[in-house]
Amino acid sequence: MTSKTDEALGYEQARDELIEVVRRLEAGGTTLEESLALWERGEELAKVCRRWLEGARARLDAALADEEETEEGE
């Protein structure tokens, strides 16, 4: 479950932090506990990004539907 702080993150902020998490995981050198914490954080950030992208898709779909309705009405 994401925290209130995560919900306040913008897409770019969440994406950039996710990139850093992945970089740290790929670099290795962390303990199992640290790796698990990073993995969990990455999952939370991916959910934030997914919500932003789904919202953007919904807005785009709504705008396109409005445009089609306007064109049909003319």
PDB file of N, CA and C in Angstrom:
ATOM      1  N   MET A   1       0.841  -1.181   0.000  1.00  0.00           N
ATOM      2  CA  MET A   1       0.000   0.000   0.000  1.00  0.00           C
ATOM      3  C   MET A   1       0.888   1.247   0.000  1.00  0.00           C
ATOM      4  N   THR A   2       0.526   2.233  -0.790  1.00  0.00           N
ATOM      5  CA  THR A   2       1.333   3.439  -0.879  1.00  0.00           C
ATOM      6  C   THR A   2       0.966   4.403   0.229  1.00  0.00           C
ATOM      7  N   SER A   3       1.928   5.209   0.610  1.00  0.00           N
ATOM      8  CA  SER A   3       1.713   6.180   1.671  1.00  0.00           C
ATOM      9  C   SER A   3       1.176   7.475   1.095  1.00  0.00           C
ATOM     10  N   LYS A   4       0.727   8.370   1.977  1.00  0.00           N
ATOM     11  CA  LYS A   4       0.254   9.695   1.558  1.00  0.00           C
ATOM     12  C   LYS A   4       1.374  10.451   0.850  1.00  0.00           C
ATOM     13  N   THR A   5       2.608  10.255   1.299  1.00  0.00           N
ATOM     14  CA  THR A   5       3.743  10.917   0.672  1.00  0.00           C
ATOM     15  C   THR A   5       3.888  10.444  -0.772  1.00  0.00           C
ATOM     16  N   ASP A   6       3.724   9.139  -1.003  1.00  0.00           N
ATOM     17  CA  ASP A   6       3.823   8.600  -2.360  1.00  0.00           C
ATOM     18  C   ASP A   6       2.726   9.164  -3.252  1.00  0.00           C
ATOM     19  N   GLU A   7       1.528   9.336  -2.697  1.00  0.00           N
ATOM     20  CA  GLU A   7       0.417   9.863  -3.476  1.00  0.00           C
ATOM     21  C   GLU A   7       0.687  11.301  -3.912  1.00  0.00           C
ATOM     22  N   ALA A   8       1.512  12.032  -3.163  1.00  0.00           N
ATOM     23  CA  ALA A   8       1.830  13.416  -3.495  1.00  0.00           C
ATOM     24  C   ALA A   8       2.955  13.519  -4.524  1.00  0.00           C
ATOM     25  N   LEU A   9       3.634  12.408  -4.796  1.00  0.00           N
ATOM     26  CA  LEU A   9       4.724  12.424  -5.767  1.00  0.00           C
ATOM     27  C   LEU A   9       4.182  12.648  -7.172  1.00  0.00           C
ATOM     28  N   GLY A  10       4.866  13.474  -7.914  1.00  0.00           N
ATOM     29  CA  GLY A  10       4.550  13.616  -9.325  1.00  0.00           C
ATOM     30  C   GLY A  10       5.123  12.438 -10.089  1.00  0.00           C
ATOM     31  N   TYR A  11       4.679  12.284 -11.326  1.00  0.00           N
ATOM     32  CA  TYR A  11       5.156  11.176 -12.149  1.00  0.00           C
ATOM     33  C   TYR A  11       6.670  11.202 -12.288  1.00  0.00           C
ATOM     34  N   GLU A  12       7.203  12.364 -12.636  1.00  0.00           N
ATOM     35  CA  GLU A  12       8.648  12.462 -12.877  1.00  0.00           C
ATOM     36  C   GLU A  12       9.446  12.169 -11.618  1.00  0.00           C
ATOM     37  N   GLN A  13       8.960  12.617 -10.470  1.00  0.00           N
ATOM     38  CA  GLN A  13       9.652  12.342  -9.206  1.00  0.00           C
ATOM     39  C   GLN A  13       9.667  10.849  -8.926  1.00  0.00           C
ATOM     40  N   ALA A  14       8.516  10.214  -9.072  1.00  0.00           N
ATOM     41  CA  ALA A  14       8.417   8.773  -8.812  1.00  0.00           C
ATOM     42  C   ALA A  14       9.280   7.995  -9.793  1.00  0.00           C
ATOM     43  N   ARG A  15       9.248   8.387 -11.071  1.00  0.00           N
ATOM     44  CA  ARG A  15      10.054   7.711 -12.089  1.00  0.00           C
ATOM     45  C   ARG A  15      11.538   7.838 -11.787  1.00  0.00           C
ATOM     46  N   ASP A  16      11.969   9.050 -11.433  1.00  0.00           N
ATOM     47  CA  ASP A  16      13.392   9.260 -11.146  1.00  0.00           C
ATOM     48  C   ASP A  16      13.845   8.455  -9.930  1.00  0.00           C
ATOM     49  N   GLU A  17      13.008   8.407  -8.902  1.00  0.00           N
ATOM     50  CA  GLU A  17      13.369   7.618  -7.726  1.00  0.00           C
ATOM     51  C   GLU A  17      13.382   6.133  -8.067  1.00  0.00           C
ATOM     52  N   LEU A  18      12.441   5.700  -8.890  1.00  0.00           N
ATOM     53  CA  LEU A  18      12.410   4.298  -9.315  1.00  0.00           C
ATOM     54  C   LEU A  18      13.675   3.941 -10.095  1.00  0.00           C
ATOM     55  N   ILE A  19      14.114   4.826 -10.956  1.00  0.00           N
ATOM     56  CA  ILE A  19      15.354   4.597 -11.705  1.00  0.00           C
ATOM     57  C   ILE A  19      16.524   4.431 -10.744  1.00  0.00           C
ATOM     58  N   GLU A  20      16.576   5.260  -9.719  1.00  0.00           N
ATOM     59  CA  GLU A  20      17.652   5.162  -8.726  1.00  0.00           C
ATOM     60  C   GLU A  20      17.575   3.850  -7.951  1.00  0.00           C
ATOM     61  N   VAL A  21      16.374   3.416  -7.593  1.00  0.00           N
ATOM     62  CA  VAL A  21      16.207   2.140  -6.891  1.00  0.00           C
ATOM     63  C   VAL A  21      16.717   0.994  -7.759  1.00  0.00           C
ATOM     64  N   VAL A  22      16.328   0.996  -9.021  1.00  0.00           N
ATOM     65  CA  VAL A  22      16.771  -0.065  -9.935  1.00  0.00           C
ATOM     66  C   VAL A  22      18.292  -0.039 -10.077  1.00  0.00           C
ATOM     67  N   ARG A  23      18.860   1.151 -10.205  1.00  0.00           N
ATOM     68  CA  ARG A  23      20.317   1.272 -10.330  1.00  0.00           C
ATOM     69  C   ARG A  23      21.009   0.668  -9.117  1.00  0.00           C
ATOM     70  N   ARG A  24      20.493   0.973  -7.929  1.00  0.00           N
ATOM     71  CA  ARG A  24      21.108   0.441  -6.704  1.00  0.00           C
ATOM     72  C   ARG A  24      20.970  -1.074  -6.626  1.00  0.00           C
ATOM     73  N   LEU A  25      19.820  -1.593  -7.029  1.00  0.00           N
ATOM     74  CA  LEU A  25      19.633  -3.043  -7.009  1.00  0.00           C
ATOM     75  C   LEU A  25      20.574  -3.733  -8.005  1.00  0.00           C
ATOM     76  N   GLU A  26      20.695  -3.158  -9.189  1.00  0.00           N
ATOM     77  CA  GLU A  26      21.567  -3.754 -10.207  1.00  0.00           C
ATOM     78  C   GLU A  26      23.038  -3.669  -9.820  1.00  0.00           C
ATOM     79  N   ALA A  27      23.407  -2.631  -9.083  1.00  0.00           N
ATOM     80  CA  ALA A  27      24.801  -2.464  -8.679  1.00  0.00           C
ATOM     81  C   ALA A  27      25.218  -3.521  -7.655  1.00  0.00           C
ATOM     82  N   GLY A  28      24.247  -4.018  -6.904  1.00  0.00           N
ATOM     83  CA  GLY A  28      24.555  -5.020  -5.886  1.00  0.00           C
ATOM     84  C   GLY A  28      25.254  -4.402  -4.692  1.00  0.00           C
ATOM     85  N   GLY A  29      25.832  -5.238  -3.877  1.00  0.00           N
ATOM     86  CA  GLY A  29      26.572  -4.769  -2.718  1.00  0.00           C
ATOM     87  C   GLY A  29      25.697  -4.406  -1.527  1.00  0.00           C
ATOM     88  N   THR A  30      24.407  -4.734  -1.613  1.00  0.00           N
ATOM     89  CA  THR A  30      23.516  -4.456  -0.484  1.00  0.00           C
ATOM     90  C   THR A  30      23.190  -5.766   0.221  1.00  0.00           C
ATOM     91  N   THR A  31      22.815  -5.643   1.470  1.00  0.00           N
ATOM     92  CA  THR A  31      22.407  -6.828   2.215  1.00  0.00           C
ATOM     93  C   THR A  31      21.062  -7.309   1.694  1.00  0.00           C
ATOM     94  N   LEU A  32      20.691  -8.498   2.076  1.00  0.00           N
ATOM     95  CA  LEU A  32      19.392  -9.042   1.690  1.00  0.00           C
ATOM     96  C   LEU A  32      18.279  -8.126   2.185  1.00  0.00           C
ATOM     97  N   GLU A  33      18.384  -7.682   3.415  1.00  0.00           N
ATOM     98  CA  GLU A  33      17.361  -6.810   3.994  1.00  0.00           C
ATOM     99  C   GLU A  33      17.262  -5.492   3.221  1.00  0.00           C
ATOM    100  N   GLU A  34      18.403  -4.917   2.878  1.00  0.00           N
ATOM    101  CA  GLU A  34      18.410  -3.670   2.098  1.00  0.00           C
ATOM    102  C   GLU A  34      17.819  -3.902   0.703  1.00  0.00           C
ATOM    103  N   SER A  35      18.174  -5.017   0.096  1.00  0.00           N
ATOM    104  CA  SER A  35      17.653  -5.343  -1.230  1.00  0.00           C
ATOM    105  C   SER A  35      16.136  -5.508  -1.203  1.00  0.00           C
ATOM    106  N   LEU A  36      15.642  -6.182  -0.176  1.00  0.00           N
ATOM    107  CA  LEU A  36      14.186  -6.349  -0.055  1.00  0.00           C
ATOM    108  C   LEU A  36      13.489  -5.008   0.146  1.00  0.00           C
ATOM    109  N   ALA A  37      14.077  -4.144   0.960  1.00  0.00           N
ATOM    110  CA  ALA A  37      13.496  -2.820   1.179  1.00  0.00           C
ATOM    111  C   ALA A  37      13.491  -2.016  -0.120  1.00  0.00           C
ATOM    112  N   LEU A  38      14.580  -2.098  -0.878  1.00  0.00           N
ATOM    113  CA  LEU A  38      14.633  -1.412  -2.164  1.00  0.00           C
ATOM    114  C   LEU A  38      13.597  -1.974  -3.119  1.00  0.00           C
ATOM    115  N   TRP A  39      13.455  -3.281  -3.161  1.00  0.00           N
ATOM    116  CA  TRP A  39      12.472  -3.917  -4.038  1.00  0.00           C
ATOM    117  C   TRP A  39      11.062  -3.439  -3.687  1.00  0.00           C
ATOM    118  N   GLU A  40      10.750  -3.435  -2.393  1.00  0.00           N
ATOM    119  CA  GLU A  40       9.425  -2.988  -1.959  1.00  0.00           C
ATOM    120  C   GLU A  40       9.186  -1.527  -2.334  1.00  0.00           C
ATOM    121  N   ARG A  41      10.208  -0.697  -2.165  1.00  0.00           N
ATOM    122  CA  ARG A  41      10.081   0.715  -2.539  1.00  0.00           C
ATOM    123  C   ARG A  41       9.873   0.838  -4.045  1.00  0.00           C
ATOM    124  N   GLY A  42      10.589   0.053  -4.800  1.00  0.00           N
ATOM    125  CA  GLY A  42      10.421   0.065  -6.250  1.00  0.00           C
ATOM    126  C   GLY A  42       9.011  -0.314  -6.667  1.00  0.00           C
ATOM    127  N   GLU A  43       8.438  -1.304  -6.006  1.00  0.00           N
ATOM    128  CA  GLU A  43       7.056  -1.706  -6.298  1.00  0.00           C
ATOM    129  C   GLU A  43       6.087  -0.568  -6.000  1.00  0.00           C
ATOM    130  N   GLU A  44       6.287   0.122  -4.883  1.00  0.00           N
ATOM    131  CA  GLU A  44       5.420   1.258  -4.531  1.00  0.00           C
ATOM    132  C   GLU A  44       5.536   2.368  -5.571  1.00  0.00           C
ATOM    133  N   LEU A  45       6.763   2.664  -5.975  1.00  0.00           N
ATOM    134  CA  LEU A  45       6.982   3.716  -6.964  1.00  0.00           C
ATOM    135  C   LEU A  45       6.388   3.340  -8.320  1.00  0.00           C
ATOM    136  N   ALA A  46       6.484   2.078  -8.691  1.00  0.00           N
ATOM    137  CA  ALA A  46       5.901   1.620  -9.953  1.00  0.00           C
ATOM    138  C   ALA A  46       4.386   1.804  -9.926  1.00  0.00           C
ATOM    139  N   LYS A  47       3.761   1.568  -8.778  1.00  0.00           N
ATOM    140  CA  LYS A  47       2.314   1.772  -8.652  1.00  0.00           C
ATOM    141  C   LYS A  47       1.955   3.245  -8.819  1.00  0.00           C
ATOM    142  N   VAL A  48       2.767   4.122  -8.236  1.00  0.00           N
ATOM    143  CA  VAL A  48       2.536   5.562  -8.384  1.00  0.00           C
ATOM    144  C   VAL A  48       2.617   5.947  -9.861  1.00  0.00           C
ATOM    145  N   CYS A  49       3.650   5.478 -10.540  1.00  0.00           N
ATOM    146  CA  CYS A  49       3.813   5.779 -11.967  1.00  0.00           C
ATOM    147  C   CYS A  49       2.637   5.231 -12.770  1.00  0.00           C
ATOM    148  N   ARG A  50       2.230   4.016 -12.464  1.00  0.00           N
ATOM    149  CA  ARG A  50       1.118   3.393 -13.182  1.00  0.00           C
ATOM    150  C   ARG A  50      -0.166   4.210 -13.018  1.00  0.00           C
ATOM    151  N   ARG A  51      -0.425   4.683 -11.791  1.00  0.00           N
ATOM    152  CA  ARG A  51      -1.631   5.497 -11.559  1.00  0.00           C
ATOM    153  C   ARG A  51      -1.580   6.788 -12.378  1.00  0.00           C
ATOM    154  N   TRP A  52      -0.416   7.431 -12.414  1.00  0.00           N
ATOM    155  CA  TRP A  52      -0.268   8.649 -13.206  1.00  0.00           C
ATOM    156  C   TRP A  52      -0.527   8.364 -14.682  1.00  0.00           C
ATOM    157  N   LEU A  53       0.045   7.292 -15.189  1.00  0.00           N
ATOM    158  CA  LEU A  53      -0.118   6.962 -16.604  1.00  0.00           C
ATOM    159  C   LEU A  53      -1.559   6.581 -16.932  1.00  0.00           C
ATOM    160  N   GLU A  54      -2.214   5.846 -16.039  1.00  0.00           N
ATOM    161  CA  GLU A  54      -3.618   5.498 -16.254  1.00  0.00           C
ATOM    162  C   GLU A  54      -4.494   6.752 -16.247  1.00  0.00           C
ATOM    163  N   GLY A  55      -4.184   7.692 -15.353  1.00  0.00           N
ATOM    164  CA  GLY A  55      -4.921   8.948 -15.314  1.00  0.00           C
ATOM    165  C   GLY A  55      -4.718   9.754 -16.583  1.00  0.00           C
ATOM    166  N   ALA A  56      -3.498   9.782 -17.075  1.00  0.00           N
ATOM    167  CA  ALA A  56      -3.209  10.499 -18.320  1.00  0.00           C
ATOM    168  C   ALA A  56      -3.944   9.852 -19.480  1.00  0.00           C
ATOM    169  N   ARG A  57      -3.979   8.526 -19.508  1.00  0.00           N
ATOM    170  CA  ARG A  57      -4.688   7.807 -20.570  1.00  0.00           C
ATOM    171  C   ARG A  57      -6.182   8.123 -20.522  1.00  0.00           C
ATOM    172  N   ALA A  58      -6.756   8.156 -19.329  1.00  0.00           N
ATOM    173  CA  ALA A  58      -8.182   8.466 -19.186  1.00  0.00           C
ATOM    174  C   ALA A  58      -8.481   9.879 -19.676  1.00  0.00           C
ATOM    175  N   ARG A  59      -7.612  10.825 -19.337  1.00  0.00           N
ATOM    176  CA  ARG A  59      -7.807  12.201 -19.795  1.00  0.00           C
ATOM    177  C   ARG A  59      -7.702  12.301 -21.311  1.00  0.00           C
ATOM    178  N   LEU A  60      -6.749  11.593 -21.885  1.00  0.00           N
ATOM    179  CA  LEU A  60      -6.585  11.594 -23.336  1.00  0.00           C
ATOM    180  C   LEU A  60      -7.802  10.971 -24.009  1.00  0.00           C
ATOM    181  N   ASP A  61      -8.258   9.835 -23.494  1.00  0.00           N
ATOM    182  CA  ASP A  61      -9.438   9.182 -24.056  1.00  0.00           C
ATOM    183  C   ASP A  61     -10.666  10.091 -23.982  1.00  0.00           C
ATOM    184  N   ALA A  62     -10.828  10.796 -22.852  1.00  0.00           N
ATOM    185  CA  ALA A  62     -11.961  11.708 -22.697  1.00  0.00           C
ATOM    186  C   ALA A  62     -11.868  12.865 -23.690  1.00  0.00           C
ATOM    187  N   ALA A  63     -10.673  13.409 -23.871  1.00  0.00           N
ATOM    188  CA  ALA A  63     -10.492  14.502 -24.816  1.00  0.00           C
ATOM    189  C   ALA A  63     -10.787  14.043 -26.238  1.00  0.00           C
ATOM    190  N   LEU A  64     -10.334  12.856 -26.598  1.00  0.00           N
ATOM    191  CA  LEU A  64     -10.595  12.331 -27.935  1.00  0.00           C
ATOM    192  C   LEU A  64     -12.084  12.062 -28.144  1.00  0.00           C
ATOM    193  N   ALA A  65     -12.755  11.561 -27.115  1.00  0.00           N
ATOM    194  CA  ALA A  65     -14.194  11.309 -27.210  1.00  0.00           C
ATOM    195  C   ALA A  65     -14.946  12.625 -27.382  1.00  0.00           C
ATOM    196  N   ASP A  66     -14.551  13.662 -26.652  1.00  0.00           N
ATOM    197  CA  ASP A  66     -15.183  14.973 -26.791  1.00  0.00           C
ATOM    198  C   ASP A  66     -14.986  15.517 -28.202  1.00  0.00           C
ATOM    199  N   GLU A  67     -13.794  15.326 -28.727  1.00  0.00           N
ATOM    200  CA  GLU A  67     -13.488  15.805 -30.080  1.00  0.00           C
ATOM    201  C   GLU A  67     -14.357  15.087 -31.106  1.00  0.00           C
ATOM    202  N   GLU A  68     -14.516  13.783 -30.945  1.00  0.00           N
ATOM    203  CA  GLU A  68     -15.352  13.014 -31.868  1.00  0.00           C
ATOM    204  C   GLU A  68     -16.806  13.463 -31.789  1.00  0.00           C
ATOM    205  N   GLU A  69     -17.301  13.712 -30.582  1.00  0.00           N
ATOM    206  CA  GLU A  69     -18.679  14.183 -30.418  1.00  0.00           C
ATOM    207  C   GLU A  69     -18.868  15.542 -31.077  1.00  0.00           C
ATOM    208  N   THR A  70     -17.894  16.408 -30.943  1.00  0.00           N
ATOM    209  CA  THR A  70     -17.959  17.739 -31.559  1.00  0.00           C
ATOM    210  C   THR A  70     -17.981  17.617 -33.076  1.00  0.00           C
ATOM    211  N   GLU A  71     -17.150  16.753 -33.627  1.00  0.00           N
ATOM    212  CA  GLU A  71     -17.100  16.568 -35.068  1.00  0.00           C
ATOM    213  C   GLU A  71     -18.391  15.964 -35.594  1.00  0.00           C
ATOM    214  N   GLU A  72     -19.010  15.056 -34.850  1.00  0.00           N
ATOM    215  CA  GLU A  72     -20.256  14.430 -35.277  1.00  0.00           C
ATOM    216  C   GLU A  72     -21.411  15.429 -35.216  1.00  0.00           C
ATOM    217  N   GLY A  73     -21.332  16.375 -34.302  1.00  0.00           N
ATOM    218  CA  GLY A  73     -22.388  17.381 -34.139  1.00  0.00           C
ATOM    219  C   GLY A  73     -22.342  18.464 -35.194  1.00  0.00           C
ATOM    220  N   GLU A  74     -21.262  18.568 -35.908  1.00  0.00           N
ATOM    221  CA  GLU A  74     -21.116  19.644 -36.905  1.00  0.00           C
ATOM    222  C   GLU A  74     -21.726  19.283 -38.220  1.00  0.00           C
TER     223      GLU A  74
END
